[in-house]
Amino acid sequence: MADIEYTNQPEIETTGLKESVTADSELKTWLVDFVGEQHTPEDGQVTVEMVVHTMADQFPELLMAIAEENWVRGYQQAIHDVEMGEKLIHEEMQKRQQEEQENDTAESD
């Protein structure tokens, strides 16, 4: 398996990564224990970031599927936003042209 390089770019980090994971289900209990053994945090708290790093090392296919889905949805939203922006600009331009025509007609009377 290829080595995964993690970068630390605080300007793009999400606050959720630093949150401690509460083991409130059977799966989360197992996962927190597993991740805790992998990372051995000094304070004993397993964070979401530790889980993500462990999943990237141990089960990259899962994270890739989630990342791909997130990317596709984000791309679709961006296209929608652009189309909506173009529609709003077009409507505003038509409104201004109509107002100019009305002003020109009123001035010529």
Protein backbone atom coordinates (compact mmCIF):
# COMPACT_ATOMS: atom_id res chain seq x y z
CA MET A 1 0.00 0.00 0.00
CA ALA A 2 1.22 3.50 -0.81
CA ASP A 3 2.24 5.79 1.99
CA ILE A 4 -0.23 8.59 2.62
CA GLU A 5 1.19 12.02 3.32
CA TYR A 6 -0.85 14.25 5.59
CA THR A 7 -0.52 17.99 5.35
CA ASN A 8 -1.32 20.48 8.03
CA GLN A 9 -3.10 23.49 6.60
CA PRO A 10 -4.92 25.16 9.51
CA GLU A 11 -6.75 27.57 7.22
CA ILE A 12 -8.73 24.67 5.71
CA GLU A 13 -9.18 22.44 8.75
CA THR A 14 -12.63 21.83 10.11
CA THR A 15 -13.30 22.08 13.81
CA GLY A 16 -15.04 18.70 13.87
CA LEU A 17 -11.73 16.89 13.43
CA LYS A 18 -10.56 17.90 16.91
CA GLU A 19 -13.70 16.66 18.67
CA SER A 20 -13.41 13.63 20.92
CA VAL A 21 -15.38 10.58 19.87
CA THR A 22 -17.97 9.30 22.32
CA ALA A 23 -18.24 5.52 22.24
CA ASP A 24 -22.02 5.36 22.43
CA SER A 25 -22.60 2.31 20.23
CA GLU A 26 -21.02 -1.10 19.80
CA LEU A 27 -19.29 -0.10 16.55
CA LYS A 28 -18.00 3.19 17.96
CA THR A 29 -16.72 1.43 21.07
CA TRP A 30 -14.77 -1.01 18.93
CA LEU A 31 -13.51 1.75 16.65
CA VAL A 32 -12.45 4.05 19.50
CA ASP A 33 -10.58 1.15 21.14
CA PHE A 34 -8.89 0.23 17.86
CA VAL A 35 -7.92 3.81 17.02
CA GLY A 36 -6.76 4.41 20.59
CA GLU A 37 -4.40 1.42 20.31
CA GLN A 38 -3.06 2.79 17.01
CA HIS A 39 -2.49 6.36 18.20
CA THR A 40 -2.09 6.00 21.98
CA PRO A 41 -3.19 9.57 22.77
CA GLU A 42 -1.63 11.04 25.90
CA ASP A 43 -4.96 12.17 27.30
CA GLY A 44 -6.70 8.94 26.31
CA GLN A 45 -9.17 10.82 24.11
CA VAL A 46 -9.66 9.58 20.55
CA THR A 47 -10.53 12.40 18.15
CA VAL A 48 -12.38 12.30 14.85
CA GLU A 49 -9.09 13.21 13.17
CA MET A 50 -7.42 10.11 14.62
CA VAL A 51 -10.28 7.98 13.30
CA VAL A 52 -9.95 9.55 9.83
CA HIS A 53 -6.18 8.94 9.78
CA THR A 54 -6.65 5.35 10.88
CA MET A 55 -9.37 4.75 8.30
CA ALA A 56 -7.14 6.27 5.60
CA ASP A 57 -4.39 3.82 6.54
CA GLN A 58 -6.56 0.77 7.17
CA PHE A 59 -9.58 1.22 4.84
CA PRO A 60 -8.78 3.84 2.17
CA GLU A 61 -11.47 2.50 -0.17
CA LEU A 62 -14.17 3.64 2.26
CA LEU A 63 -12.79 7.16 2.56
CA MET A 64 -12.32 7.39 -1.21
CA ALA A 65 -15.96 6.43 -1.79
CA ILE A 66 -17.09 9.07 0.71
CA ALA A 67 -14.75 11.69 -0.77
CA GLU A 68 -15.89 10.96 -4.33
CA GLU A 69 -19.54 11.25 -3.35
CA ASN A 70 -18.84 14.51 -1.53
CA TRP A 71 -16.93 15.86 -4.53
CA VAL A 72 -19.71 14.96 -6.98
CA ARG A 73 -22.35 16.56 -4.78
CA GLY A 74 -20.22 19.67 -4.36
CA TYR A 75 -19.63 19.89 -8.10
CA GLN A 76 -23.37 19.51 -8.80
CA GLN A 77 -24.11 22.26 -6.28
CA ALA A 78 -21.52 24.53 -7.89
CA ILE A 79 -23.08 24.01 -11.33
CA HIS A 80 -26.51 24.74 -9.92
CA ASP A 81 -25.20 27.91 -8.24
CA VAL A 82 -23.61 29.12 -11.50
CA GLU A 83 -26.80 28.44 -13.46
CA MET A 84 -28.87 30.27 -10.86
CA GLY A 85 -26.42 33.19 -10.88
CA GLU A 86 -26.60 33.40 -14.67
CA LYS A 87 -30.39 33.35 -14.53
CA LEU A 88 -30.46 36.16 -11.95
CA ILE A 89 -28.01 38.25 -13.99
CA HIS A 90 -30.08 37.70 -17.15
CA GLU A 91 -33.29 38.71 -15.33
CA GLU A 92 -31.63 41.83 -13.91
CA MET A 93 -30.29 42.81 -17.33
CA GLN A 94 -33.74 42.38 -18.88
CA LYS A 95 -35.28 44.47 -16.08
CA ARG A 96 -32.75 47.26 -16.61
CA GLN A 97 -33.25 47.21 -20.40
CA GLN A 98 -37.00 47.43 -19.92
CA GLU A 99 -36.58 50.34 -17.49
CA GLU A 100 -34.31 52.14 -19.98
CA GLN A 101 -36.84 51.64 -22.77
CA GLU A 102 -39.62 52.97 -20.54
CA ASN A 103 -37.47 55.99 -19.62
CA ASP A 104 -36.64 56.65 -23.27
CA THR A 105 -40.31 56.43 -24.20
CA ALA A 106 -41.30 58.77 -21.37
CA GLU A 107 -38.63 61.30 -22.36
CA SER A 108 -39.68 61.33 -26.01
CA ASP A 109 -43.31 62.06 -25.12
